[in-house]
Amino acid sequence: MRRAARVDENQRQIVAALRQLGASVAITSTTGQGFPDICCGFRGRNVLFEIKDGNKPPSRRKLTPDQIEFHAAWKGEIAVITSATEAVDYLLRG
C-alpha cells in the first residue's frame, strides 16, 4: 500500500506566488512514482517543479530514487526549487 505523499511546508506559499504572477498551477504532489509536486504553465511554457523545503538541512532535501529516475527520463522542462522567489525567478528567466 502506498503511503500518503508528504507535502513540503513551503508548497502553499510557492503556489500562491506563481498564481499571483499569472501562472496556472496544477498540484501533482500526490501522483507518486517520482512525479514532481506541481505543474506550472506560464507564457506558453509548461514546467514541472519539484519542491524541497529550503529550511531543512541539505540531507533532507535530496531527491528520492524515484524522483532521480523521473528527472533523468523527463524530456521536458523540470526544476527543483526551494522557495517562491526561486520559482518566480525561474519562470521569469524564460
Protein backbone atom coordinates (compact mmCIF):
# COMPACT_ATOMS: atom_id res chain seq x y z
CA MET A 1 0.00 0.00 0.00
CA ARG A 2 1.28 3.44 -0.94
CA ARG A 3 1.88 5.93 1.85
CA ALA A 4 0.33 9.38 1.77
CA ALA A 5 2.55 11.85 -0.04
CA ARG A 6 4.39 14.35 2.12
CA VAL A 7 3.73 17.94 1.14
CA ASP A 8 6.53 20.40 1.81
CA GLU A 9 5.60 23.23 4.16
CA ASN A 10 6.51 25.87 1.59
CA GLN A 11 4.32 24.44 -1.20
CA ARG A 12 1.30 26.64 -0.43
CA GLN A 13 3.43 29.81 -0.48
CA ILE A 14 5.10 28.81 -3.76
CA VAL A 15 1.78 28.00 -5.44
CA ALA A 16 0.31 31.33 -4.28
CA ALA A 17 3.29 33.30 -5.63
CA LEU A 18 3.15 31.55 -9.00
CA ARG A 19 -0.59 32.16 -9.33
CA GLN A 20 -0.11 35.82 -8.37
CA LEU A 21 2.44 36.04 -11.21
CA GLY A 22 -0.29 34.83 -13.57
CA ALA A 23 0.81 31.22 -13.95
CA SER A 24 -1.57 28.31 -13.92
CA VAL A 25 -0.60 25.69 -11.35
CA ALA A 26 -1.72 22.09 -11.00
CA ILE A 27 -0.80 20.42 -7.73
CA THR A 28 0.53 16.95 -8.53
CA SER A 29 2.30 16.08 -5.28
CA THR A 30 0.07 13.04 -4.71
CA THR A 31 0.79 11.48 -8.11
CA GLY A 32 3.72 9.41 -6.85
CA GLN A 33 6.36 7.47 -8.81
CA GLY A 34 8.74 10.42 -8.67
CA PHE A 35 6.39 12.83 -10.44
CA PRO A 36 7.13 16.44 -9.37
CA ASP A 37 4.98 18.38 -6.90
CA ILE A 38 3.47 20.94 -9.26
CA CYS A 39 2.96 21.51 -12.96
CA CYS A 40 3.08 25.15 -13.98
CA GLY A 41 2.02 26.87 -17.20
CA PHE A 42 3.37 30.35 -17.93
CA ARG A 43 3.65 32.30 -21.19
CA GLY A 44 3.34 29.19 -23.34
CA ARG A 45 5.75 27.10 -21.27
CA ASN A 46 5.00 24.10 -19.11
CA VAL A 47 7.39 23.50 -16.24
CA LEU A 48 7.40 20.70 -13.69
CA PHE A 49 8.66 21.83 -10.28
CA GLU A 50 9.91 19.54 -7.53
CA ILE A 51 9.56 21.48 -4.29
CA LYS A 52 12.04 21.00 -1.48
CA ASP A 53 11.89 22.85 1.84
CA GLY A 54 14.82 25.27 1.95
CA ASN A 55 14.58 25.42 5.75
CA LYS A 56 15.57 21.77 6.06
CA PRO A 57 19.19 20.60 6.03
CA PRO A 58 20.56 19.53 2.62
CA SER A 59 20.36 15.87 3.63
CA ARG A 60 16.57 16.24 3.97
CA ARG A 61 16.24 17.98 0.58
CA LYS A 62 17.70 15.21 -1.55
CA LEU A 63 15.67 13.73 -4.38
CA THR A 64 14.30 10.25 -3.76
CA PRO A 65 15.41 7.42 -6.06
CA ASP A 66 12.04 7.65 -7.89
CA GLN A 67 12.49 11.40 -8.36
CA ILE A 68 16.03 10.97 -9.69
CA GLU A 69 14.79 8.40 -12.19
CA PHE A 70 11.88 10.59 -13.28
CA HIS A 71 14.09 13.68 -13.73
CA ALA A 72 16.60 11.71 -15.79
CA ALA A 73 13.90 10.33 -18.10
CA TRP A 74 11.82 13.51 -18.48
CA LYS A 75 12.32 15.19 -21.85
CA GLY A 76 10.65 18.47 -20.90
CA GLU A 77 11.38 21.35 -18.58
CA ILE A 78 11.84 20.37 -14.93
CA ALA A 79 13.44 22.13 -11.95
CA VAL A 80 13.99 21.70 -8.23
CA ILE A 81 13.06 24.77 -6.20
CA THR A 82 13.18 25.66 -2.51
CA SER A 83 11.28 28.95 -2.35
CA ALA A 84 8.67 31.13 -4.00
CA THR A 85 11.42 33.51 -5.11
CA GLU A 86 13.29 30.70 -6.87
CA ALA A 87 10.12 29.57 -8.63
CA VAL A 88 9.17 33.05 -9.84
CA ASP A 89 12.75 33.81 -10.92
CA TYR A 90 12.90 30.54 -12.85
CA LEU A 91 9.76 31.38 -14.81
CA LEU A 92 10.81 34.97 -15.50
CA ARG A 93 14.25 33.90 -16.76
CA GLY A 94 12.44 32.14 -19.59
